[in-house]
C-alpha atoms as a PDB file:
ATOM      1  CA  MET A   1      -3.631  88.140  78.816  1.00  0.00           C
ATOM      2  CA  SER A   2      -1.036  89.746  81.313  1.00  0.00           C
ATOM      3  CA  ALA A   3       2.024  88.027  81.691  1.00  0.00           C
ATOM      4  CA  GLN A   4       2.355  86.123  85.121  1.00  0.00           C
ATOM      5  CA  PRO A   5       4.506  88.181  87.648  1.00  0.00           C
ATOM      6  CA  ASP A   6       7.902  86.911  88.650  1.00  0.00           C
ATOM      7  CA  LEU A   7       7.999  86.369  92.401  1.00  0.00           C
ATOM      8  CA  LEU A   8      11.415  84.776  92.507  1.00  0.00           C
ATOM      9  CA  TYR A   9      14.536  86.680  93.404  1.00  0.00           C
ATOM     10  CA  SER A  10      17.320  87.067  90.719  1.00  0.00           C
ATOM     11  CA  GLU A  11      20.873  86.439  91.649  1.00  0.00           C
ATOM     12  CA  GLU A  12      21.556  90.324  91.165  1.00  0.00           C
ATOM     13  CA  GLU A  13      18.610  90.952  93.758  1.00  0.00           C
ATOM     14  CA  GLU A  14      19.957  88.497  96.307  1.00  0.00           C
ATOM     15  CA  ALA A  15      23.697  89.966  95.792  1.00  0.00           C
ATOM     16  CA  LEU A  16      21.898  93.344  96.608  1.00  0.00           C
ATOM     17  CA  ARG A  17      20.374  92.171  99.543  1.00  0.00           C
ATOM     18  CA  ALA A  18      23.502  90.744 100.893  1.00  0.00           C
ATOM     19  CA  ALA A  19      25.467  93.728 100.584  1.00  0.00           C
ATOM     20  CA  VAL A  20      22.661  95.751 102.270  1.00  0.00           C
ATOM     21  CA  ARG A  21      22.211  93.364 105.068  1.00  0.00           C
ATOM     22  CA  ASP A  22      25.867  93.287 105.569  1.00  0.00           C
ATOM     23  CA  LEU A  23      26.057  97.034 106.044  1.00  0.00           C
ATOM     24  CA  LEU A  24      23.086  97.391 108.284  1.00  0.00           C
ATOM     25  CA  THR A  25      24.669  94.346 110.434  1.00  0.00           C
ATOM     26  CA  ASP A  26      27.506  96.759 110.957  1.00  0.00           C
ATOM     27  CA  HIS A  27      26.160 100.029 111.367  1.00  0.00           C
ATOM     28  CA  CYS A  28      22.461  99.553 112.240  1.00  0.00           C
ATOM     29  CA  ALA A  29      22.404  97.498 115.489  1.00  0.00           C
ATOM     30  CA  PRO A  30      19.226  97.561 117.361  1.00  0.00           C
ATOM     31  CA  ALA A  31      20.785  99.141 120.804  1.00  0.00           C
ATOM     32  CA  GLY A  32      22.114 102.166 118.535  1.00  0.00           C
ATOM     33  CA  VAL A  33      18.547 102.385 116.815  1.00  0.00           C
ATOM     34  CA  ILE A  34      17.019 102.619 120.234  1.00  0.00           C
ATOM     35  CA  THR A  35      19.482 105.181 121.529  1.00  0.00           C
ATOM     36  CA  ARG A  36      18.871 107.356 118.576  1.00  0.00           C
ATOM     37  CA  ALA A  37      15.198 107.185 118.758  1.00  0.00           C
ATOM     38  CA  GLU A  38      15.701 108.552 122.042  1.00  0.00           C
ATOM     39  CA  SER A  39      17.572 111.463 121.020  1.00  0.00           C
ATOM     40  CA  ASP A  40      16.766 114.974 119.089  1.00  0.00           C
ATOM     41  CA  ALA A  41      18.077 113.543 115.851  1.00  0.00           C
ATOM     42  CA  PRO A  42      16.349 110.071 114.972  1.00  0.00           C
ATOM     43  CA  HIS A  43      17.684 109.904 111.304  1.00  0.00           C
ATOM     44  CA  ASP A  44      20.891 108.000 111.047  1.00  0.00           C
ATOM     45  CA  LEU A  45      22.453 110.327 108.239  1.00  0.00           C
ATOM     46  CA  SER A  46      25.724 108.593 108.474  1.00  0.00           C
ATOM     47  CA  LEU A  47      23.909 105.352 107.456  1.00  0.00           C
ATOM     48  CA  TRP A  48      21.830 107.114 104.790  1.00  0.00           C
ATOM     49  CA  LYS A  49      25.263 108.568 103.273  1.00  0.00           C
ATOM     50  CA  SER A  50      26.559 105.040 103.124  1.00  0.00           C
ATOM     51  CA  LEU A  51      23.360 103.690 101.590  1.00  0.00           C
ATOM     52  CA  ALA A  52      22.910 106.515  99.036  1.00  0.00           C
ATOM     53  CA  GLU A  53      26.189 107.803  98.093  1.00  0.00           C
ATOM     54  CA  ALA A  54      28.640 104.782  98.770  1.00  0.00           C
ATOM     55  CA  MET A  55      26.267 102.178  97.415  1.00  0.00           C
ATOM     56  CA  GLY A  56      24.252 104.315  95.086  1.00  0.00           C
ATOM     57  CA  LEU A  57      20.883 103.123  96.327  1.00  0.00           C
ATOM     58  CA  ALA A  58      19.016 106.518  96.229  1.00  0.00           C
ATOM     59  CA  GLY A  59      19.285 106.444  92.446  1.00  0.00           C
ATOM     60  CA  LEU A  60      17.836 103.091  91.844  1.00  0.00           C
ATOM     61  CA  LEU A  61      14.620 104.248  90.357  1.00  0.00           C
ATOM     62  CA  VAL A  62      16.188 106.876  88.318  1.00  0.00           C
ATOM     63  CA  PRO A  63      17.324 106.335  84.620  1.00  0.00           C
ATOM     64  CA  GLU A  64      21.227 106.243  83.985  1.00  0.00           C
ATOM     65  CA  ALA A  65      20.710 109.348  81.748  1.00  0.00           C
ATOM     66  CA  GLN A  66      19.417 111.436  84.595  1.00  0.00           C
ATOM     67  CA  GLY A  67      22.191 110.295  87.228  1.00  0.00           C
ATOM     68  CA  GLY A  68      20.870 107.284  88.834  1.00  0.00           C
ATOM     69  CA  GLN A  69      21.367 103.463  88.562  1.00  0.00           C
ATOM     70  CA  GLY A  70      18.574 102.557  86.119  1.00  0.00           C
ATOM     71  CA  ALA A  71      17.162  99.646  88.181  1.00  0.00           C
ATOM     72  CA  SER A  72      13.602  99.013  88.862  1.00  0.00           C
ATOM     73  CA  HIS A  73      11.068  98.679  91.664  1.00  0.00           C
ATOM     74  CA  ARG A  74      12.189  95.127  92.238  1.00  0.00           C
ATOM     75  CA  GLU A  75      15.519  95.991  93.468  1.00  0.00           C
ATOM     76  CA  ALA A  76      14.072  99.008  95.576  1.00  0.00           C
ATOM     77  CA  ALA A  77      11.955  96.464  96.961  1.00  0.00           C
ATOM     78  CA  VAL A  78      14.587  94.357  98.268  1.00  0.00           C
ATOM     79  CA  VAL A  79      16.348  97.218  99.658  1.00  0.00           C
ATOM     80  CA  LEU A  80      13.343  98.107 101.830  1.00  0.00           C
ATOM     81  CA  GLU A  81      12.955  94.588 102.973  1.00  0.00           C
ATOM     82  CA  GLU A  82      16.352  94.620 104.656  1.00  0.00           C
ATOM     83  CA  LEU A  83      15.638  98.232 105.568  1.00  0.00           C
ATOM     84  CA  GLY A  84      12.443  96.888 107.260  1.00  0.00           C
ATOM     85  CA  ARG A  85      14.224  93.947 108.768  1.00  0.00           C
ATOM     86  CA  ALA A  86      16.623  96.481 110.536  1.00  0.00           C
ATOM     87  CA  VAL A  87      13.859  99.400 111.213  1.00  0.00           C
ATOM     88  CA  ALA A  88      16.628 101.571 109.872  1.00  0.00           C
ATOM     89  CA  PRO A  89      15.972 105.286 110.717  1.00  0.00           C
ATOM     90  CA  VAL A  90      16.995 106.596 107.075  1.00  0.00           C
ATOM     91  CA  PRO A  91      14.616 108.451 104.742  1.00  0.00           C
ATOM     92  CA  TYR A  92      14.660 105.925 101.996  1.00  0.00           C
ATOM     93  CA  LEU A  93      11.050 105.138 101.171  1.00  0.00           C
ATOM     94  CA  THR A  94      10.427 108.970 101.626  1.00  0.00           C
ATOM     95  CA  SER A  95      13.207 110.309  99.528  1.00  0.00           C
ATOM     96  CA  ALA A  96      14.454 107.643  97.240  1.00  0.00           C
ATOM     97  CA  VAL A  97      10.928 106.380  96.486  1.00  0.00           C
ATOM     98  CA  VAL A  98       8.120 108.837  97.049  1.00  0.00           C
ATOM     99  CA  ALA A  99       9.927 112.063  96.345  1.00  0.00           C
ATOM    100  CA  THR A 100      11.863 110.473  93.508  1.00  0.00           C
ATOM    101  CA  GLU A 101       8.690 109.046  91.974  1.00  0.00           C
ATOM    102  CA  ALA A 102       6.837 112.584  91.800  1.00  0.00           C
ATOM    103  CA  LEU A 103       9.866 113.851  90.100  1.00  0.00           C
ATOM    104  CA  LEU A 104       9.921 111.255  87.558  1.00  0.00           C
ATOM    105  CA  ALA A 105       6.490 112.320  86.739  1.00  0.00           C
ATOM    106  CA  CYS A 106       7.180 115.935  86.616  1.00  0.00           C
ATOM    107  CA  GLY A 107      10.528 115.164  84.503  1.00  0.00           C
ATOM    108  CA  ASP A 108      12.686 117.749  86.536  1.00  0.00           C
ATOM    109  CA  GLU A 109      15.904 116.495  85.731  1.00  0.00           C
ATOM    110  CA  ASP A 110      18.060 118.731  87.834  1.00  0.00           C
ATOM    111  CA  LEU A 111      16.482 117.923  91.096  1.00  0.00           C
ATOM    112  CA  LEU A 112      16.015 114.227  90.127  1.00  0.00           C
ATOM    113  CA  ALA A 113      19.838 113.921  89.715  1.00  0.00           C
ATOM    114  CA  ARG A 114      20.549 115.456  93.194  1.00  0.00           C
ATOM    115  CA  LEU A 115      18.222 113.218  94.947  1.00  0.00           C
ATOM    116  CA  ALA A 116      19.569 110.112  92.825  1.00  0.00           C
ATOM    117  CA  SER A 117      23.156 111.093  94.126  1.00  0.00           C
ATOM    118  CA  GLY A 118      22.055 110.822  97.768  1.00  0.00           C
ATOM    119  CA  ARG A 119      23.348 114.397  98.668  1.00  0.00           C
ATOM    120  CA  THR A 120      19.980 116.045  98.609  1.00  0.00           C
ATOM    121  CA  ILE A 121      17.192 114.318 100.686  1.00  0.00           C
ATOM    122  CA  GLY A 122      13.484 115.207  99.302  1.00  0.00           C
ATOM    123  CA  ALA A 123      10.177 114.704 100.902  1.00  0.00           C
ATOM    124  CA  LEU A 124       6.782 114.825  99.286  1.00  0.00           C
ATOM    125  CA  ALA A 125       4.595 117.158 101.714  1.00  0.00           C
ATOM    126  CA  VAL A 126       1.638 114.932 101.919  1.00  0.00           C
ATOM    127  CA  GLY A 127       0.624 113.459 105.013  1.00  0.00           C
ATOM    128  CA  LEU A 128       2.089 109.846 105.749  1.00  0.00           C
ATOM    129  CA  HIS A 129      -1.783 108.435 105.910  1.00  0.00           C
ATOM    130  CA  THR A 130      -2.842 109.570 102.436  1.00  0.00           C
ATOM    131  CA  ALA A 131      -3.604 106.596 100.471  1.00  0.00           C
ATOM    132  CA  PRO A 132      -3.265 106.853  96.764  1.00  0.00           C
ATOM    133  CA  GLY A 133      -5.958 108.638  94.810  1.00  0.00           C
ATOM    134  CA  ALA A 134      -7.191 110.105  98.173  1.00  0.00           C
ATOM    135  CA  ALA A 135      -7.658 113.836  98.635  1.00  0.00           C
ATOM    136  CA  HIS A 136      -4.949 115.673 100.256  1.00  0.00           C
ATOM    137  CA  ALA A 137      -4.264 119.021 101.686  1.00  0.00           C
ATOM    138  CA  THR A 138      -2.784 121.540  99.728  1.00  0.00           C
ATOM    139  CA  ALA A 139      -0.787 124.855 100.202  1.00  0.00           C
ATOM    140  CA  ARG A 140      -2.277 128.154  99.122  1.00  0.00           C
ATOM    141  CA  VAL A 141      -0.603 130.366  96.380  1.00  0.00           C
ATOM    142  CA  ALA A 142      -0.831 133.849  96.815  1.00  0.00           C
ATOM    143  CA  ASP A 143       1.506 136.603  94.974  1.00  0.00           C
ATOM    144  CA  GLY A 144       3.808 134.012  93.913  1.00  0.00           C
ATOM    145  CA  VAL A 145       4.539 132.410  97.307  1.00  0.00           C
ATOM    146  CA  LEU A 146       2.917 129.523  99.273  1.00  0.00           C
ATOM    147  CA  HIS A 147       1.051 129.808 102.369  1.00  0.00           C
ATOM    148  CA  GLY A 148      -0.544 127.270 104.849  1.00  0.00           C
ATOM    149  CA  GLU A 149       0.248 124.210 107.003  1.00  0.00           C
ATOM    150  CA  LEU A 150       0.721 120.694 106.135  1.00  0.00           C
ATOM    151  CA  THR A 151       0.544 117.946 108.822  1.00  0.00           C
ATOM    152  CA  GLY A 152       1.982 114.259 109.034  1.00  0.00           C
ATOM    153  CA  ILE A 153       4.997 114.674 106.927  1.00  0.00           C
ATOM    154  CA  ALA A 154       7.035 111.846 107.182  1.00  0.00           C
ATOM    155  CA  ASP A 155      10.888 112.474 107.343  1.00  0.00           C
ATOM    156  CA  ALA A 156      10.318 116.317 106.918  1.00  0.00           C
ATOM    157  CA  ALA A 157      12.997 116.978 109.604  1.00  0.00           C
ATOM    158  CA  ALA A 158      15.549 115.326 107.592  1.00  0.00           C
ATOM    159  CA  ALA A 159      14.616 116.802 104.228  1.00  0.00           C
ATOM    160  CA  ASP A 160      16.689 119.544 102.121  1.00  0.00           C
ATOM    161  CA  VAL A 161      13.881 120.127  99.728  1.00  0.00           C
ATOM    162  CA  LEU A 162       9.847 119.636 100.051  1.00  0.00           C
ATOM    163  CA  LEU A 163       7.589 118.822  97.159  1.00  0.00           C
ATOM    164  CA  VAL A 164       4.521 120.911  97.879  1.00  0.00           C
ATOM    165  CA  PRO A 165       1.177 120.505  96.288  1.00  0.00           C
ATOM    166  CA  ALA A 166      -0.566 123.564  95.884  1.00  0.00           C
ATOM    167  CA  ASP A 167      -4.223 124.798  95.133  1.00  0.00           C
ATOM    168  CA  ASP A 168      -3.309 126.126  91.896  1.00  0.00           C
ATOM    169  CA  GLY A 169      -2.464 122.444  90.684  1.00  0.00           C
ATOM    170  CA  GLY A 170       1.041 122.556  90.844  1.00  0.00           C
ATOM    171  CA  LEU A 171       3.658 120.789  92.421  1.00  0.00           C
ATOM    172  CA  TYR A 172       6.544 123.073  93.860  1.00  0.00           C
ATOM    173  CA  ALA A 173       9.893 122.520  95.091  1.00  0.00           C
ATOM    174  CA  VAL A 174      10.536 124.403  98.427  1.00  0.00           C
ATOM    175  CA  ALA A 175      13.904 124.631 100.236  1.00  0.00           C
ATOM    176  CA  ALA A 176      13.645 123.238 103.788  1.00  0.00           C
ATOM    177  CA  ASP A 177      15.221 126.264 105.389  1.00  0.00           C
ATOM    178  CA  ALA A 178      12.429 128.454 103.861  1.00  0.00           C
ATOM    179  CA  VAL A 179       9.795 126.697 105.951  1.00  0.00           C
ATOM    180  CA  THR A 180       9.219 125.957 109.611  1.00  0.00           C
ATOM    181  CA  VAL A 181       9.157 122.310 110.355  1.00  0.00           C
ATOM    182  CA  THR A 182       7.595 121.145 113.864  1.00  0.00           C
ATOM    183  CA  PRO A 183       8.003 117.753 114.921  1.00  0.00           C
ATOM    184  CA  GLN A 184       4.866 116.135 115.717  1.00  0.00           C
ATOM    185  CA  VAL A 185       3.908 113.010 118.113  1.00  0.00           C
ATOM    186  CA  SER A 186       4.779 109.855 116.204  1.00  0.00           C
ATOM    187  CA  LEU A 187       4.142 106.139 117.231  1.00  0.00           C
ATOM    188  CA  ASP A 188       7.273 104.987 115.048  1.00  0.00           C
ATOM    189  CA  LEU A 189      10.096 106.995 116.516  1.00  0.00           C
ATOM    190  CA  THR A 190      12.445 105.699 113.546  1.00  0.00           C
ATOM    191  CA  ARG A 191      10.208 107.517 111.039  1.00  0.00           C
ATOM    192  CA  PRO A 192       9.108 110.735 112.627  1.00  0.00           C
ATOM    193  CA  LEU A 193       6.343 113.025 111.225  1.00  0.00           C
ATOM    194  CA  ALA A 194       6.508 116.842 111.364  1.00  0.00           C
ATOM    195  CA  ALA A 195       4.036 119.577 110.639  1.00  0.00           C
ATOM    196  CA  VAL A 196       5.152 121.940 107.747  1.00  0.00           C
ATOM    197  CA  THR A 197       4.383 125.688 108.024  1.00  0.00           C
ATOM    198  CA  LEU A 198       4.701 127.771 104.730  1.00  0.00           C
ATOM    199  CA  ASP A 199       4.546 131.634 105.635  1.00  0.00           C
ATOM    200  CA  GLY A 200       5.454 133.196 102.249  1.00  0.00           C
ATOM    201  CA  ALA A 201       7.546 130.458 101.099  1.00  0.00           C
ATOM    202  CA  ALA A 202       9.275 130.662  97.635  1.00  0.00           C
ATOM    203  CA  GLY A 203       8.823 127.671  95.380  1.00  0.00           C
ATOM    204  CA  ARG A 204       9.563 126.481  91.993  1.00  0.00           C
ATOM    205  CA  ARG A 205       7.080 125.087  90.046  1.00  0.00           C
ATOM    206  CA  LEU A 206       7.786 121.442  88.689  1.00  0.00           C
ATOM    207  CA  GLY A 207       4.685 120.042  87.110  1.00  0.00           C
ATOM    208  CA  ASP A 208       1.132 119.380  87.605  1.00  0.00           C
ATOM    209  CA  ALA A 209       0.690 117.629  91.235  1.00  0.00           C
ATOM    210  CA  GLY A 210      -2.108 115.482  90.625  1.00  0.00           C
ATOM    211  CA  PRO A 211      -0.568 112.741  88.404  1.00  0.00           C
ATOM    212  CA  ALA A 212       2.973 113.289  90.516  1.00  0.00           C
ATOM    213  CA  VAL A 213       1.137 112.885  93.840  1.00  0.00           C
ATOM    214  CA  ARG A 214      -0.838 109.494  92.616  1.00  0.00           C
ATOM    215  CA  ARG A 215       2.195 108.095  90.984  1.00  0.00           C
ATOM    216  CA  ALA A 216       4.329 108.606  93.981  1.00  0.00           C
ATOM    217  CA  LEU A 217       1.694 107.461  96.517  1.00  0.00           C
ATOM    218  CA  ARG A 218       1.097 104.257  94.458  1.00  0.00           C
ATOM    219  CA  ALA A 219       4.971 103.510  94.313  1.00  0.00           C
ATOM    220  CA  ALA A 220       4.931 104.016  98.048  1.00  0.00           C
ATOM    221  CA  ALA A 221       1.921 101.778  98.862  1.00  0.00           C
ATOM    222  CA  GLY A 222       3.328  98.972  96.570  1.00  0.00           C
ATOM    223  CA  LEU A 223       6.861  99.078  98.094  1.00  0.00           C
ATOM    224  CA  LEU A 224       5.939  99.711 101.802  1.00  0.00           C
ATOM    225  CA  ALA A 225       4.549  96.088 101.579  1.00  0.00           C
ATOM    226  CA  SER A 226       8.066  95.031 101.225  1.00  0.00           C
ATOM    227  CA  GLU A 227       9.315  97.064 104.220  1.00  0.00           C
ATOM    228  CA  GLN A 228       6.339  95.342 106.065  1.00  0.00           C
ATOM    229  CA  LEU A 229       7.857  91.883 104.677  1.00  0.00           C
ATOM    230  CA  GLY A 230      11.240  92.658 106.197  1.00  0.00           C
ATOM    231  CA  VAL A 231       9.519  93.752 109.457  1.00  0.00           C
ATOM    232  CA  ALA A 232       7.370  90.406 109.818  1.00  0.00           C
ATOM    233  CA  ASP A 233       9.994  88.360 108.683  1.00  0.00           C
ATOM    234  CA  TRP A 234      12.398  89.632 111.534  1.00  0.00           C
ATOM    235  CA  ALA A 235       9.722  89.158 114.122  1.00  0.00           C
ATOM    236  CA  LEU A 236       9.084  85.314 112.985  1.00  0.00           C
ATOM    237  CA  THR A 237      12.704  84.648 112.767  1.00  0.00           C
ATOM    238  CA  GLU A 238      13.719  86.254 116.003  1.00  0.00           C
ATOM    239  CA  THR A 239      10.957  84.697 117.928  1.00  0.00           C
ATOM    240  CA  VAL A 240      11.738  81.085 116.612  1.00  0.00           C
ATOM    241  CA  ARG A 241      15.208  81.586 117.473  1.00  0.00           C
ATOM    242  CA  TYR A 242      14.400  82.824 120.954  1.00  0.00           C
ATOM    243  CA  LEU A 243      12.113  79.791 121.480  1.00  0.00           C
ATOM    244  CA  LYS A 244      14.531  77.412 120.728  1.00  0.00           C
ATOM    245  CA  GLU A 245      16.987  78.852 123.248  1.00  0.00           C
ATOM    246  CA  ARG A 246      14.313  79.878 126.254  1.00  0.00           C
ATOM    247  CA  LYS A 247      13.692  76.766 128.388  1.00  0.00           C
ATOM    248  CA  GLN A 248      10.918  75.827 130.776  1.00  0.00           C
ATOM    249  CA  PHE A 249      10.559  72.650 132.658  1.00  0.00           C
ATOM    250  CA  ASN A 250      13.672  71.718 131.284  1.00  0.00           C
ATOM    251  CA  ARG A 251      12.573  71.789 127.576  1.00  0.00           C
ATOM    252  CA  PRO A 252      12.679  74.312 124.715  1.00  0.00           C
ATOM    253  CA  VAL A 253       9.583  76.424 124.805  1.00  0.00           C
ATOM    254  CA  GLY A 254       9.508  76.058 121.261  1.00  0.00           C
ATOM    255  CA  GLY A 255       8.736  72.556 121.634  1.00  0.00           C
ATOM    256  CA  PHE A 256       5.377  73.002 123.083  1.00  0.00           C
ATOM    257  CA  GLN A 257       2.634  72.054 120.593  1.00  0.00           C
ATOM    258  CA  ALA A 258       0.474  75.279 121.143  1.00  0.00           C
ATOM    259  CA  LEU A 259       3.298  77.451 120.458  1.00  0.00           C
ATOM    260  CA  LYS A 260       4.239  75.477 117.379  1.00  0.00           C
ATOM    261  CA  HIS A 261       0.469  76.036 115.815  1.00  0.00           C
ATOM    262  CA  ARG A 262       1.111  79.567 116.133  1.00  0.00           C
ATOM    263  CA  LEU A 263       4.359  79.817 114.788  1.00  0.00           C
ATOM    264  CA  ALA A 264       3.219  77.946 111.873  1.00  0.00           C
ATOM    265  CA  GLN A 265       0.350  79.969 111.153  1.00  0.00           C
ATOM    266  CA  LEU A 266       2.615  83.233 111.358  1.00  0.00           C
ATOM    267  CA  TRP A 267       4.946  81.276 109.042  1.00  0.00           C
ATOM    268  CA  LEU A 268       2.150  80.545 106.305  1.00  0.00           C
ATOM    269  CA  GLU A 269       1.282  84.541 106.810  1.00  0.00           C
ATOM    270  CA  VAL A 270       4.684  85.948 106.131  1.00  0.00           C
ATOM    271  CA  VAL A 271       5.105  83.334 102.965  1.00  0.00           C
ATOM    272  CA  ASN A 272       1.750  84.663 101.527  1.00  0.00           C
ATOM    273  CA  LEU A 273       3.047  88.200 102.264  1.00  0.00           C
ATOM    274  CA  ARG A 274       6.232  87.754 100.576  1.00  0.00           C
ATOM    275  CA  ALA A 275       4.423  86.565  97.217  1.00  0.00           C
ATOM    276  CA  ALA A 276       2.004  89.793  97.446  1.00  0.00           C
ATOM    277  CA  ALA A 277       5.016  91.998  98.032  1.00  0.00           C
ATOM    278  CA  ARG A 278       6.860  90.722  95.280  1.00  0.00           C
ATOM    279  CA  ALA A 279       3.761  90.523  92.917  1.00  0.00           C
ATOM    280  CA  ALA A 280       3.326  94.548  93.796  1.00  0.00           C
ATOM    281  CA  ALA A 281       7.107  95.148  93.105  1.00  0.00           C
ATOM    282  CA  ASP A 282       6.899  93.189  89.655  1.00  0.00           C
ATOM    283  CA  ALA A 283       3.854  95.141  89.061  1.00  0.00           C
ATOM    284  CA  LEU A 284       5.487  98.397  89.426  1.00  0.00           C
ATOM    285  CA  ALA A 285       8.583  97.493  87.583  1.00  0.00           C
ATOM    286  CA  THR A 286       6.684  96.280  84.573  1.00  0.00           C
ATOM    287  CA  GLY A 287       3.667  98.136  84.369  1.00  0.00           C
ATOM    288  CA  GLU A 288       1.215  95.080  84.462  1.00  0.00           C
ATOM    289  CA  ASP A 289      -1.848  95.135  86.618  1.00  0.00           C
ATOM    290  CA  THR A 290      -0.244  97.795  88.694  1.00  0.00           C
ATOM    291  CA  ASP A 291      -3.293  99.141  90.706  1.00  0.00           C
ATOM    292  CA  VAL A 292      -4.663  95.564  91.444  1.00  0.00           C
ATOM    293  CA  SER A 293      -1.299  94.455  92.551  1.00  0.00           C
ATOM    294  CA  VAL A 294      -0.499  97.081  94.972  1.00  0.00           C
ATOM    295  CA  ALA A 295      -4.076  97.154  96.403  1.00  0.00           C
ATOM    296  CA  VAL A 296      -3.956  93.324  97.099  1.00  0.00           C
ATOM    297  CA  ALA A 297      -0.481  93.648  98.772  1.00  0.00           C
ATOM    298  CA  GLN A 298      -1.523  96.607 100.969  1.00  0.00           C
ATOM    299  CA  ALA A 299      -4.899  94.778 101.968  1.00  0.00           C
ATOM    300  CA  TYR A 300      -2.683  91.842 103.325  1.00  0.00           C
ATOM    301  CA  ALA A 301       0.437  93.546 104.637  1.00  0.00           C
ATOM    302  CA  ALA A 302      -0.703  95.486 107.438  1.00  0.00           C
ATOM    303  CA  PRO A 303      -2.508  92.813 109.222  1.00  0.00           C
ATOM    304  CA  VAL A 304       0.434  90.251 108.775  1.00  0.00           C
ATOM    305  CA  ALA A 305       2.990  92.626 109.971  1.00  0.00           C
ATOM    306  CA  VAL A 306       0.971  93.807 112.865  1.00  0.00           C
ATOM    307  CA  HIS A 307       0.252  90.220 113.840  1.00  0.00           C
ATOM    308  CA  ALA A 308       3.861  88.920 113.678  1.00  0.00           C
ATOM    309  CA  THR A 309       5.106  91.737 115.764  1.00  0.00           C
ATOM    310  CA  GLU A 310       2.451  91.274 118.450  1.00  0.00           C
ATOM    311  CA  GLU A 311       3.340  87.736 118.506  1.00  0.00           C
ATOM    312  CA  ALA A 312       7.107  88.435 118.862  1.00  0.00           C
ATOM    313  CA  VAL A 313       6.449  90.732 121.799  1.00  0.00           C
ATOM    314  CA  GLN A 314       4.078  88.332 123.602  1.00  0.00           C
ATOM    315  CA  LEU A 315       6.178  85.055 122.933  1.00  0.00           C
ATOM    316  CA  HIS A 316       9.404  86.623 124.260  1.00  0.00           C
ATOM    317  CA  GLY A 317       7.665  86.977 127.687  1.00  0.00           C
ATOM    318  CA  GLY A 318       8.836  89.522 129.675  1.00  0.00           C
ATOM    319  CA  ILE A 319      12.086  90.456 128.030  1.00  0.00           C
ATOM    320  CA  GLY A 320       9.888  91.437 125.061  1.00  0.00           C
ATOM    321  CA  MET A 321       7.999  94.122 127.175  1.00  0.00           C
ATOM    322  CA  THR A 322      11.422  95.996 127.770  1.00  0.00           C
ATOM    323  CA  TRP A 323      12.709  99.190 126.236  1.00  0.00           C
ATOM    324  CA  GLU A 324      15.877  97.361 125.794  1.00  0.00           C
ATOM    325  CA  HIS A 325      14.648  94.681 123.587  1.00  0.00           C
ATOM    326  CA  PRO A 326      14.094  95.757 119.902  1.00  0.00           C
ATOM    327  CA  ALA A 327      10.651  94.191 119.711  1.00  0.00           C
ATOM    328  CA  HIS A 328       8.793  97.447 120.534  1.00  0.00           C
ATOM    329  CA  LEU A 329      10.528  99.093 117.667  1.00  0.00           C
ATOM    330  CA  TYR A 330       9.084  96.584 115.152  1.00  0.00           C
ATOM    331  CA  LEU A 331       5.516  96.636 116.720  1.00  0.00           C
ATOM    332  CA  LYS A 332       5.553 100.288 116.348  1.00  0.00           C
ATOM    333  CA  ARG A 333       6.931 100.400 112.739  1.00  0.00           C
ATOM    334  CA  ALA A 334       4.224  97.706 111.907  1.00  0.00           C
ATOM    335  CA  LYS A 335       1.443  99.732 113.581  1.00  0.00           C
ATOM    336  CA  ALA A 336       2.624 102.983 111.782  1.00  0.00           C
ATOM    337  CA  ASP A 337       3.021 101.238 108.614  1.00  0.00           C
ATOM    338  CA  SER A 338      -0.726  99.872 109.047  1.00  0.00           C
ATOM    339  CA  ILE A 339      -1.887 103.363 108.318  1.00  0.00           C
ATOM    340  CA  ALA A 340       0.583 104.724 105.850  1.00  0.00           C
ATOM    341  CA  TYR A 341      -0.238 105.383 102.457  1.00  0.00           C
ATOM    342  CA  GLY A 342      -3.998 104.176 103.053  1.00  0.00           C
ATOM    343  CA  THR A 343      -5.091 101.291 105.609  1.00  0.00           C
ATOM    344  CA  ALA A 344      -6.022  97.883 104.572  1.00  0.00           C
ATOM    345  CA  GLY A 345      -9.651  98.528 104.755  1.00  0.00           C
ATOM    346  CA  ALA A 346      -8.961 101.399 102.177  1.00  0.00           C
ATOM    347  CA  HIS A 347      -7.141  99.388  99.798  1.00  0.00           C
ATOM    348  CA  ARG A 348      -9.734  96.657 100.043  1.00  0.00           C
ATOM    349  CA  CYS A 349     -12.324  99.272  98.993  1.00  0.00           C
ATOM    350  CA  ALA A 350     -10.135 100.424  96.084  1.00  0.00           C
ATOM    351  CA  LEU A 351      -9.677  96.796  95.190  1.00  0.00           C
ATOM    352  CA  ALA A 352     -13.325  95.936  95.075  1.00  0.00           C
ATOM    353  CA  ALA A 353     -13.788  98.791  92.813  1.00  0.00           C
ATOM    354  CA  LEU A 354     -10.983  97.764  90.503  1.00  0.00           C
ATOM    355  CA  VAL A 355     -11.941  94.132  89.902  1.00  0.00           C
ATOM    356  CA  ASP A 356     -15.730  95.401  89.813  1.00  0.00           C
ATOM    357  CA  LEU A 357     -16.803  93.472  93.160  1.00  0.00           C
ATOM    358  CA  GLN A 358     -19.820  95.429  94.578  1.00  0.00           C
ATOM    359  CA  ALA A 359     -20.365  95.592  98.114  1.00  0.00           C
ATOM    360  CA  PRO A 360     -23.562  93.905  99.831  1.00  0.00           C
END
């Protein structure tokens, strides 16, 4: 019998949360995120440096012997909750989780240590929409170099090194300056997508792509739920705060019974999402029922985050529809996350197979 997941936060995790939230409060204000999203440089590399180098958060999943912090997915989940709550435009999920997990599967200690230090940003060249275990595009190997185009790569514009799966079954490390990165239209301006074109790019084989990509995408899907939790929790908290202050007919709008019911329903959904996200993070950390926990979390997380942010936009009234108010950033992140690393429907199908529940 498997052990029960630990859904509570430890004192160390709460201390980590407080430190990350303080940093984001000081350096990731909504107005600044909106301004940056409108620019040609949406990534906040100064904030990334503070998170990755000063606080050491880029190496949470990397063992101490390999230059990391030797923490677990539980701590990384706490960081992602706070990054989601701030819709921080940093490549934490793509570099410190996805690329790092792929390198852990390959055992490349040199590149792993560079990513753990935060001085090098990595990106797995697999489309953001790809679910764990799903088929994905690969580069073509010819005469020892790589050719082809890979699309929908999250945070490729900020990456120093790309981890490219190839048709020979290998995963290759390719320097960013050896490829052409072309921005693609992305709903979520805080996590831009790009097409990566390889035209005779040299790469260093790291290991087998199959297990590395599966491991990376499974961790990404599981920890994405914590980011979605942060997005949903912000939406609920800010909406409740606004409705307490906004008055209509000389009384707080939040006092109207119909709105109370909507907020109560949303609160229940967010609480349930927290349990699912924590279970996925704990399963990734312990290795207990990992596939099932990740599928459950992602089957539930996307609808809740989208619902919470839609309610935030609507219940903020006219101001919620404006560009200056940050609600649209959260709605776009929730919508983009709803198809990242597999849709809720894809994860429900995966879950049915895992628990031997046949479709009618």
